[in-house]
Full PDB file with SEQRES, HELIX, SHEET, SSBOND, CRYST1, ORIGX, SCALE, CONECT and MASTER records, all heavy atoms in Angstrom:
SEQRES   1 A   33  SER CYS LEU MET LYS THR ARG SER SER GLN PRO ALA PHE          
SEQRES   2 A   33  VAL PHE ARG THR ILE GLY ILE VAL ALA GLN VAL ILE SER          
SEQRES   3 A   33  VAL LEU ILE ILE ILE GLY LEU                                  
HELIX    1 AA1 CYS A    2  SER A    8  1                                   7    
HELIX    2 AA2 GLN A   10  GLY A   32  1                                  23    
CRYST1    1.000    1.000    1.000  90.00  90.00  90.00 P 1           1          
ORIGX1      1.000000  0.000000  0.000000        0.00000                         
ORIGX2      0.000000  1.000000  0.000000        0.00000                         
ORIGX3      0.000000  0.000000  1.000000        0.00000                         
SCALE1      1.000000  0.000000  0.000000        0.00000                         
SCALE2      0.000000  1.000000  0.000000        0.00000                         
SCALE3      0.000000  0.000000  1.000000        0.00000                         
ATOM      1  N   SER A   1       0.843  -1.222   0.055  1.00  0.00           N  
ATOM      2  CA  SER A   1      -0.028   0.017  -0.001  1.00  0.00           C  
ATOM      3  C   SER A   1       0.832   1.233  -0.006  1.00  0.00           C  
ATOM      4  O   SER A   1       2.062   1.282   0.318  1.00  0.00           O  
ATOM      5  CB  SER A   1      -0.969  -0.031   1.216  1.00  0.00           C  
ATOM      6  OG  SER A   1      -0.079   0.148   2.428  1.00  0.00           O  
ATOM      7  N   CYS A   2       0.242   2.382  -0.422  1.00  0.00           N  
ATOM      8  CA  CYS A   2       0.974   3.637  -0.491  1.00  0.00           C  
ATOM      9  C   CYS A   2       1.521   4.061   0.916  1.00  0.00           C  
ATOM     10  O   CYS A   2       2.585   4.559   1.007  1.00  0.00           O  
ATOM     11  CB  CYS A   2       0.074   4.731  -1.093  1.00  0.00           C  
ATOM     12  SG  CYS A   2       0.884   6.271  -1.429  1.00  0.00           S  
ATOM     13  N   LEU A   3       0.648   3.805   1.909  1.00  0.00           N  
ATOM     14  CA  LEU A   3       1.092   4.228   3.279  1.00  0.00           C  
ATOM     15  C   LEU A   3       2.269   3.384   3.675  1.00  0.00           C  
ATOM     16  O   LEU A   3       3.241   3.975   4.245  1.00  0.00           O  
ATOM     17  CB  LEU A   3      -0.069   4.060   4.286  1.00  0.00           C  
ATOM     18  CG  LEU A   3       0.172   4.410   5.715  1.00  0.00           C  
ATOM     19  CD1 LEU A   3       0.527   5.888   5.812  1.00  0.00           C  
ATOM     20  CD2 LEU A   3      -1.005   4.068   6.555  1.00  0.00           C  
ATOM     21  N   MET A   4       2.333   2.109   3.430  1.00  0.00           N  
ATOM     22  CA  MET A   4       3.446   1.288   3.794  1.00  0.00           C  
ATOM     23  C   MET A   4       4.685   1.614   3.037  1.00  0.00           C  
ATOM     24  O   MET A   4       5.836   1.567   3.527  1.00  0.00           O  
ATOM     25  CB  MET A   4       3.117  -0.207   3.683  1.00  0.00           C  
ATOM     26  CG  MET A   4       1.924  -0.707   4.524  1.00  0.00           C  
ATOM     27  SD  MET A   4       2.212  -0.348   6.283  1.00  0.00           S  
ATOM     28  CE  MET A   4       3.643  -1.349   6.625  1.00  0.00           C  
ATOM     29  N   LYS A   5       4.486   2.065   1.755  1.00  0.00           N  
ATOM     30  CA  LYS A   5       5.641   2.486   0.992  1.00  0.00           C  
ATOM     31  C   LYS A   5       6.249   3.760   1.549  1.00  0.00           C  
ATOM     32  O   LYS A   5       7.529   3.846   1.637  1.00  0.00           O  
ATOM     33  CB  LYS A   5       5.197   2.775  -0.411  1.00  0.00           C  
ATOM     34  CG  LYS A   5       4.776   1.632  -1.280  1.00  0.00           C  
ATOM     35  CD  LYS A   5       4.304   2.050  -2.673  1.00  0.00           C  
ATOM     36  CE  LYS A   5       3.737   0.859  -3.470  1.00  0.00           C  
ATOM     37  NZ  LYS A   5       3.235   1.382  -4.745  1.00  0.00           N  
ATOM     38  N   THR A   6       5.389   4.663   1.982  1.00  0.00           N  
ATOM     39  CA  THR A   6       5.948   5.904   2.581  1.00  0.00           C  
ATOM     40  C   THR A   6       6.713   5.658   3.876  1.00  0.00           C  
ATOM     41  O   THR A   6       7.680   6.231   4.195  1.00  0.00           O  
ATOM     42  CB  THR A   6       4.786   6.869   2.867  1.00  0.00           C  
ATOM     43  OG1 THR A   6       4.037   7.060   1.639  1.00  0.00           O  
ATOM     44  CG2 THR A   6       5.276   8.206   3.417  1.00  0.00           C  
ATOM     45  N   ARG A   7       6.186   4.653   4.701  1.00  0.00           N  
ATOM     46  CA  ARG A   7       6.843   4.348   5.953  1.00  0.00           C  
ATOM     47  C   ARG A   7       8.217   3.687   5.666  1.00  0.00           C  
ATOM     48  O   ARG A   7       9.134   3.788   6.478  1.00  0.00           O  
ATOM     49  CB  ARG A   7       5.953   3.484   6.794  1.00  0.00           C  
ATOM     50  CG  ARG A   7       4.766   4.168   7.323  1.00  0.00           C  
ATOM     51  CD  ARG A   7       3.854   3.177   8.054  1.00  0.00           C  
ATOM     52  NE  ARG A   7       2.734   3.853   8.764  1.00  0.00           N  
ATOM     53  CZ  ARG A   7       1.765   3.230   9.459  1.00  0.00           C  
ATOM     54  NH1 ARG A   7       1.855   1.893   9.600  1.00  0.00           N  
ATOM     55  NH2 ARG A   7       0.791   3.906   9.951  1.00  0.00           N  
ATOM     56  N   SER A   8       8.307   2.886   4.635  1.00  0.00           N  
ATOM     57  CA  SER A   8       9.599   2.174   4.432  1.00  0.00           C  
ATOM     58  C   SER A   8      10.586   2.973   3.745  1.00  0.00           C  
ATOM     59  O   SER A   8      11.788   2.577   3.823  1.00  0.00           O  
ATOM     60  CB  SER A   8       9.189   0.931   3.480  1.00  0.00           C  
ATOM     61  OG  SER A   8       8.726   1.401   2.266  1.00  0.00           O  
ATOM     62  N   SER A   9      10.313   4.054   3.195  1.00  0.00           N  
ATOM     63  CA  SER A   9      11.245   4.927   2.538  1.00  0.00           C  
ATOM     64  C   SER A   9      11.560   6.059   3.536  1.00  0.00           C  
ATOM     65  O   SER A   9      10.681   6.862   3.967  1.00  0.00           O  
ATOM     66  CB  SER A   9      10.738   5.571   1.269  1.00  0.00           C  
ATOM     67  OG  SER A   9      11.615   6.502   0.697  1.00  0.00           O  
ATOM     68  N   GLN A  10      12.879   6.221   3.911  1.00  0.00           N  
ATOM     69  CA  GLN A  10      13.224   7.221   4.955  1.00  0.00           C  
ATOM     70  C   GLN A  10      12.975   8.623   4.424  1.00  0.00           C  
ATOM     71  O   GLN A  10      12.404   9.435   5.153  1.00  0.00           O  
ATOM     72  CB  GLN A  10      14.726   6.969   5.339  1.00  0.00           C  
ATOM     73  CG  GLN A  10      15.124   7.975   6.464  1.00  0.00           C  
ATOM     74  CD  GLN A  10      16.565   7.670   6.933  1.00  0.00           C  
ATOM     75  OE1 GLN A  10      17.213   6.780   6.381  1.00  0.00           O  
ATOM     76  NE2 GLN A  10      17.048   8.377   7.935  1.00  0.00           N  
ATOM     77  N   PRO A  11      13.424   9.022   3.274  1.00  0.00           N  
ATOM     78  CA  PRO A  11      13.148  10.456   2.829  1.00  0.00           C  
ATOM     79  C   PRO A  11      11.666  10.779   2.780  1.00  0.00           C  
ATOM     80  O   PRO A  11      11.209  11.805   3.208  1.00  0.00           O  
ATOM     81  CB  PRO A  11      13.823  10.569   1.480  1.00  0.00           C  
ATOM     82  CG  PRO A  11      14.806   9.467   1.471  1.00  0.00           C  
ATOM     83  CD  PRO A  11      14.260   8.324   2.215  1.00  0.00           C  
ATOM     84  N   ALA A  12      10.877   9.867   2.203  1.00  0.00           N  
ATOM     85  CA  ALA A  12       9.462  10.112   2.145  1.00  0.00           C  
ATOM     86  C   ALA A  12       8.782  10.168   3.466  1.00  0.00           C  
ATOM     87  O   ALA A  12       7.924  10.990   3.762  1.00  0.00           O  
ATOM     88  CB  ALA A  12       8.774   8.968   1.260  1.00  0.00           C  
ATOM     89  N   PHE A  13       9.252   9.280   4.373  1.00  0.00           N  
ATOM     90  CA  PHE A  13       8.676   9.260   5.791  1.00  0.00           C  
ATOM     91  C   PHE A  13       9.014  10.574   6.531  1.00  0.00           C  
ATOM     92  O   PHE A  13       8.188  11.170   7.132  1.00  0.00           O  
ATOM     93  CB  PHE A  13       9.264   8.044   6.467  1.00  0.00           C  
ATOM     94  CG  PHE A  13       8.725   7.972   7.916  1.00  0.00           C  
ATOM     95  CD1 PHE A  13       7.447   7.590   8.186  1.00  0.00           C  
ATOM     96  CD2 PHE A  13       9.564   8.375   9.064  1.00  0.00           C  
ATOM     97  CE1 PHE A  13       6.941   7.499   9.466  1.00  0.00           C  
ATOM     98  CE2 PHE A  13       9.063   8.266  10.316  1.00  0.00           C  
ATOM     99  CZ  PHE A  13       7.800   7.876  10.523  1.00  0.00           C  
ATOM    100  N   VAL A  14      10.215  11.110   6.282  1.00  0.00           N  
ATOM    101  CA  VAL A  14      10.616  12.344   6.943  1.00  0.00           C  
ATOM    102  C   VAL A  14       9.797  13.498   6.443  1.00  0.00           C  
ATOM    103  O   VAL A  14       9.278  14.337   7.202  1.00  0.00           O  
ATOM    104  CB  VAL A  14      12.171  12.591   6.748  1.00  0.00           C  
ATOM    105  CG1 VAL A  14      12.526  13.994   7.216  1.00  0.00           C  
ATOM    106  CG2 VAL A  14      12.988  11.598   7.500  1.00  0.00           C  
ATOM    107  N   PHE A  15       9.652  13.655   5.168  1.00  0.00           N  
ATOM    108  CA  PHE A  15       8.879  14.720   4.521  1.00  0.00           C  
ATOM    109  C   PHE A  15       7.458  14.618   4.961  1.00  0.00           C  
ATOM    110  O   PHE A  15       6.865  15.690   5.345  1.00  0.00           O  
ATOM    111  CB  PHE A  15       9.000  14.673   3.014  1.00  0.00           C  
ATOM    112  CG  PHE A  15      10.251  15.163   2.483  1.00  0.00           C  
ATOM    113  CD1 PHE A  15      10.985  14.472   1.487  1.00  0.00           C  
ATOM    114  CD2 PHE A  15      10.744  16.410   2.894  1.00  0.00           C  
ATOM    115  CE1 PHE A  15      12.123  14.986   0.977  1.00  0.00           C  
ATOM    116  CE2 PHE A  15      11.976  16.856   2.352  1.00  0.00           C  
ATOM    117  CZ  PHE A  15      12.705  16.161   1.459  1.00  0.00           C  
ATOM    118  N   ARG A  16       6.954  13.435   4.989  1.00  0.00           N  
ATOM    119  CA  ARG A  16       5.462  13.287   5.354  1.00  0.00           C  
ATOM    120  C   ARG A  16       5.278  13.624   6.856  1.00  0.00           C  
ATOM    121  O   ARG A  16       4.186  14.136   7.215  1.00  0.00           O  
ATOM    122  CB  ARG A  16       4.985  11.874   5.098  1.00  0.00           C  
ATOM    123  CG  ARG A  16       3.498  11.723   5.028  1.00  0.00           C  
ATOM    124  CD  ARG A  16       2.891  12.410   3.866  1.00  0.00           C  
ATOM    125  NE  ARG A  16       1.401  12.476   4.006  1.00  0.00           N  
ATOM    126  CZ  ARG A  16       0.789  13.523   4.468  1.00  0.00           C  
ATOM    127  NH1 ARG A  16       1.409  14.540   4.822  1.00  0.00           N  
ATOM    128  NH2 ARG A  16      -0.528  13.467   4.537  1.00  0.00           N  
ATOM    129  N   THR A  17       6.214  13.226   7.679  1.00  0.00           N  
ATOM    130  CA  THR A  17       6.118  13.504   9.092  1.00  0.00           C  
ATOM    131  C   THR A  17       6.144  14.996   9.309  1.00  0.00           C  
ATOM    132  O   THR A  17       5.420  15.498  10.188  1.00  0.00           O  
ATOM    133  CB  THR A  17       7.238  12.809   9.895  1.00  0.00           C  
ATOM    134  OG1 THR A  17       7.123  11.371   9.641  1.00  0.00           O  
ATOM    135  CG2 THR A  17       7.097  13.045  11.315  1.00  0.00           C  
ATOM    136  N   ILE A  18       7.059  15.708   8.672  1.00  0.00           N  
ATOM    137  CA  ILE A  18       7.168  17.160   8.771  1.00  0.00           C  
ATOM    138  C   ILE A  18       5.801  17.789   8.419  1.00  0.00           C  
ATOM    139  O   ILE A  18       5.304  18.728   9.070  1.00  0.00           O  
ATOM    140  CB  ILE A  18       8.323  17.702   7.907  1.00  0.00           C  
ATOM    141  CG1 ILE A  18       9.670  17.178   8.499  1.00  0.00           C  
ATOM    142  CG2 ILE A  18       8.275  19.201   7.947  1.00  0.00           C  
ATOM    143  CD1 ILE A  18      10.796  17.563   7.582  1.00  0.00           C  
ATOM    144  N   GLY A  19       5.228  17.288   7.321  1.00  0.00           N  
ATOM    145  CA  GLY A  19       3.933  17.859   6.928  1.00  0.00           C  
ATOM    146  C   GLY A  19       2.809  17.670   8.006  1.00  0.00           C  
ATOM    147  O   GLY A  19       2.005  18.599   8.258  1.00  0.00           O  
ATOM    148  N   ILE A  20       2.771  16.484   8.550  1.00  0.00           N  
ATOM    149  CA  ILE A  20       1.752  16.207   9.586  1.00  0.00           C  
ATOM    150  C   ILE A  20       2.011  17.059  10.852  1.00  0.00           C  
ATOM    151  O   ILE A  20       1.020  17.639  11.378  1.00  0.00           O  
ATOM    152  CB  ILE A  20       1.785  14.743   9.977  1.00  0.00           C  
ATOM    153  CG1 ILE A  20       1.340  13.871   8.807  1.00  0.00           C  
ATOM    154  CG2 ILE A  20       0.872  14.492  11.155  1.00  0.00           C  
ATOM    155  CD1 ILE A  20       1.449  12.397   9.043  1.00  0.00           C  
ATOM    156  N   VAL A  21       3.276  17.161  11.284  1.00  0.00           N  
ATOM    157  CA  VAL A  21       3.630  18.032  12.375  1.00  0.00           C  
ATOM    158  C   VAL A  21       3.285  19.484  12.114  1.00  0.00           C  
ATOM    159  O   VAL A  21       2.709  20.220  12.970  1.00  0.00           O  
ATOM    160  CB  VAL A  21       5.143  17.908  12.775  1.00  0.00           C  
ATOM    161  CG1 VAL A  21       5.443  18.930  13.808  1.00  0.00           C  
ATOM    162  CG2 VAL A  21       5.399  16.502  13.213  1.00  0.00           C  
ATOM    163  N   ALA A  22       3.483  19.961  10.913  1.00  0.00           N  
ATOM    164  CA  ALA A  22       3.095  21.314  10.541  1.00  0.00           C  
ATOM    165  C   ALA A  22       1.607  21.526  10.571  1.00  0.00           C  
ATOM    166  O   ALA A  22       1.141  22.624  11.037  1.00  0.00           O  
ATOM    167  CB  ALA A  22       3.651  21.595   9.137  1.00  0.00           C  
ATOM    168  N   GLN A  23       0.870  20.528  10.189  1.00  0.00           N  
ATOM    169  CA  GLN A  23      -0.640  20.628  10.326  1.00  0.00           C  
ATOM    170  C   GLN A  23      -1.033  20.802  11.738  1.00  0.00           C  
ATOM    171  O   GLN A  23      -1.872  21.657  12.055  1.00  0.00           O  
ATOM    172  CB  GLN A  23      -1.247  19.341   9.700  1.00  0.00           C  
ATOM    173  CG  GLN A  23      -1.436  19.429   8.222  1.00  0.00           C  
ATOM    174  CD  GLN A  23      -2.221  18.139   7.705  1.00  0.00           C  
ATOM    175  OE1 GLN A  23      -1.549  17.122   7.535  1.00  0.00           O  
ATOM    176  NE2 GLN A  23      -3.421  18.336   7.457  1.00  0.00           N  
ATOM    177  N   VAL A  24      -0.432  19.948  12.631  1.00  0.00           N  
ATOM    178  CA  VAL A  24      -0.849  20.126  13.984  1.00  0.00           C  
ATOM    179  C   VAL A  24      -0.415  21.466  14.661  1.00  0.00           C  
ATOM    180  O   VAL A  24      -1.271  22.041  15.331  1.00  0.00           O  
ATOM    181  CB  VAL A  24      -0.168  18.913  14.798  1.00  0.00           C  
ATOM    182  CG1 VAL A  24      -0.440  19.044  16.360  1.00  0.00           C  
ATOM    183  CG2 VAL A  24      -0.630  17.608  14.334  1.00  0.00           C  
ATOM    184  N   ILE A  25       0.807  21.922  14.323  1.00  0.00           N  
ATOM    185  CA  ILE A  25       1.198  23.177  14.824  1.00  0.00           C  
ATOM    186  C   ILE A  25       0.283  24.323  14.278  1.00  0.00           C  
ATOM    187  O   ILE A  25      -0.019  25.309  15.016  1.00  0.00           O  
ATOM    188  CB  ILE A  25       2.638  23.429  14.465  1.00  0.00           C  
ATOM    189  CG1 ILE A  25       3.517  22.432  15.221  1.00  0.00           C  
ATOM    190  CG2 ILE A  25       3.105  24.870  14.859  1.00  0.00           C  
ATOM    191  CD1 ILE A  25       5.017  22.526  14.863  1.00  0.00           C  
ATOM    192  N   SER A  26      -0.048  24.240  13.068  1.00  0.00           N  
ATOM    193  CA  SER A  26      -0.901  25.297  12.430  1.00  0.00           C  
ATOM    194  C   SER A  26      -2.226  25.377  13.177  1.00  0.00           C  
ATOM    195  O   SER A  26      -2.809  26.408  13.414  1.00  0.00           O  
ATOM    196  CB  SER A  26      -1.060  25.085  10.995  1.00  0.00           C  
ATOM    197  OG  SER A  26      -1.695  23.879  10.652  1.00  0.00           O  
ATOM    198  N   VAL A  27      -2.788  24.172  13.426  1.00  0.00           N  
ATOM    199  CA  VAL A  27      -4.124  24.152  14.156  1.00  0.00           C  
ATOM    200  C   VAL A  27      -4.013  24.789  15.534  1.00  0.00           C  
ATOM    201  O   VAL A  27      -4.855  25.548  15.929  1.00  0.00           O  
ATOM    202  CB  VAL A  27      -4.665  22.703  14.227  1.00  0.00           C  
ATOM    203  CG1 VAL A  27      -5.815  22.601  15.190  1.00  0.00           C  
ATOM    204  CG2 VAL A  27      -5.050  22.162  12.899  1.00  0.00           C  
ATOM    205  N   LEU A  28      -2.916  24.497  16.269  1.00  0.00           N  
ATOM    206  CA  LEU A  28      -2.734  25.052  17.563  1.00  0.00           C  
ATOM    207  C   LEU A  28      -2.579  26.537  17.493  1.00  0.00           C  
ATOM    208  O   LEU A  28      -3.130  27.373  18.290  1.00  0.00           O  
ATOM    209  CB  LEU A  28      -1.524  24.435  18.269  1.00  0.00           C  
ATOM    210  CG  LEU A  28      -1.582  22.962  18.571  1.00  0.00           C  
ATOM    211  CD1 LEU A  28      -0.288  22.421  19.115  1.00  0.00           C  
ATOM    212  CD2 LEU A  28      -2.770  22.605  19.500  1.00  0.00           C  
ATOM    213  N   ILE A  29      -1.857  27.037  16.504  1.00  0.00           N  
ATOM    214  CA  ILE A  29      -1.714  28.516  16.264  1.00  0.00           C  
ATOM    215  C   ILE A  29      -3.007  29.189  15.982  1.00  0.00           C  
ATOM    216  O   ILE A  29      -3.374  30.241  16.476  1.00  0.00           O  
ATOM    217  CB  ILE A  29      -0.587  28.763  15.225  1.00  0.00           C  
ATOM    218  CG1 ILE A  29       0.762  28.288  15.692  1.00  0.00           C  
ATOM    219  CG2 ILE A  29      -0.584  30.258  14.960  1.00  0.00           C  
ATOM    220  CD1 ILE A  29       1.826  28.498  14.696  1.00  0.00           C  
ATOM    221  N   ILE A  30      -3.826  28.496  15.129  1.00  0.00           N  
ATOM    222  CA  ILE A  30      -5.140  28.975  14.748  1.00  0.00           C  
ATOM    223  C   ILE A  30      -5.986  29.242  15.952  1.00  0.00           C  
ATOM    224  O   ILE A  30      -6.651  30.196  16.161  1.00  0.00           O  
ATOM    225  CB  ILE A  30      -5.779  28.139  13.653  1.00  0.00           C  
ATOM    226  CG1 ILE A  30      -5.024  28.288  12.351  1.00  0.00           C  
ATOM    227  CG2 ILE A  30      -7.242  28.568  13.494  1.00  0.00           C  
ATOM    228  CD1 ILE A  30      -5.425  27.314  11.308  1.00  0.00           C  
ATOM    229  N   ILE A  31      -6.049  28.183  16.807  1.00  0.00           N  
ATOM    230  CA  ILE A  31      -6.846  28.227  17.997  1.00  0.00           C  
ATOM    231  C   ILE A  31      -6.393  29.342  18.979  1.00  0.00           C  
ATOM    232  O   ILE A  31      -7.181  30.091  19.477  1.00  0.00           O  
ATOM    233  CB  ILE A  31      -6.724  26.793  18.750  1.00  0.00           C  
ATOM    234  CG1 ILE A  31      -7.394  25.738  17.958  1.00  0.00           C  
ATOM    235  CG2 ILE A  31      -7.490  26.948  20.110  1.00  0.00           C  
ATOM    236  CD1 ILE A  31      -7.228  24.423  18.487  1.00  0.00           C  
ATOM    237  N   GLY A  32      -5.062  29.490  19.081  1.00  0.00           N  
ATOM    238  CA  GLY A  32      -4.578  30.633  19.934  1.00  0.00           C  
ATOM    239  C   GLY A  32      -4.927  32.002  19.350  1.00  0.00           C  
ATOM    240  O   GLY A  32      -5.367  32.888  20.142  1.00  0.00           O  
ATOM    241  N   LEU A  33      -4.789  32.170  18.073  1.00  0.00           N  
ATOM    242  CA  LEU A  33      -5.136  33.448  17.412  1.00  0.00           C  
ATOM    243  C   LEU A  33      -6.622  33.669  17.571  1.00  0.00           C  
ATOM    244  O   LEU A  33      -7.080  34.899  17.802  1.00  0.00           O  
ATOM    245  CB  LEU A  33      -4.694  33.440  15.942  1.00  0.00           C  
ATOM    246  CG  LEU A  33      -3.197  33.518  15.721  1.00  0.00           C  
ATOM    247  CD1 LEU A  33      -2.899  33.368  14.214  1.00  0.00           C  
ATOM    248  CD2 LEU A  33      -2.664  34.776  16.271  1.00  0.00           C  
TER     249      LEU A  33                                                      
MASTER        0    0    0    2    0    0    0    6  248    1    0    3          
END                                                                             
């Protein structure tokens, strides 16, 4: 599956993790604003 491919590839996993973390941080900043 596409999700398992992303987890098995280190560059893809790093980029995807950064995107998810950015989503969470943006939501927290929006709530604070």
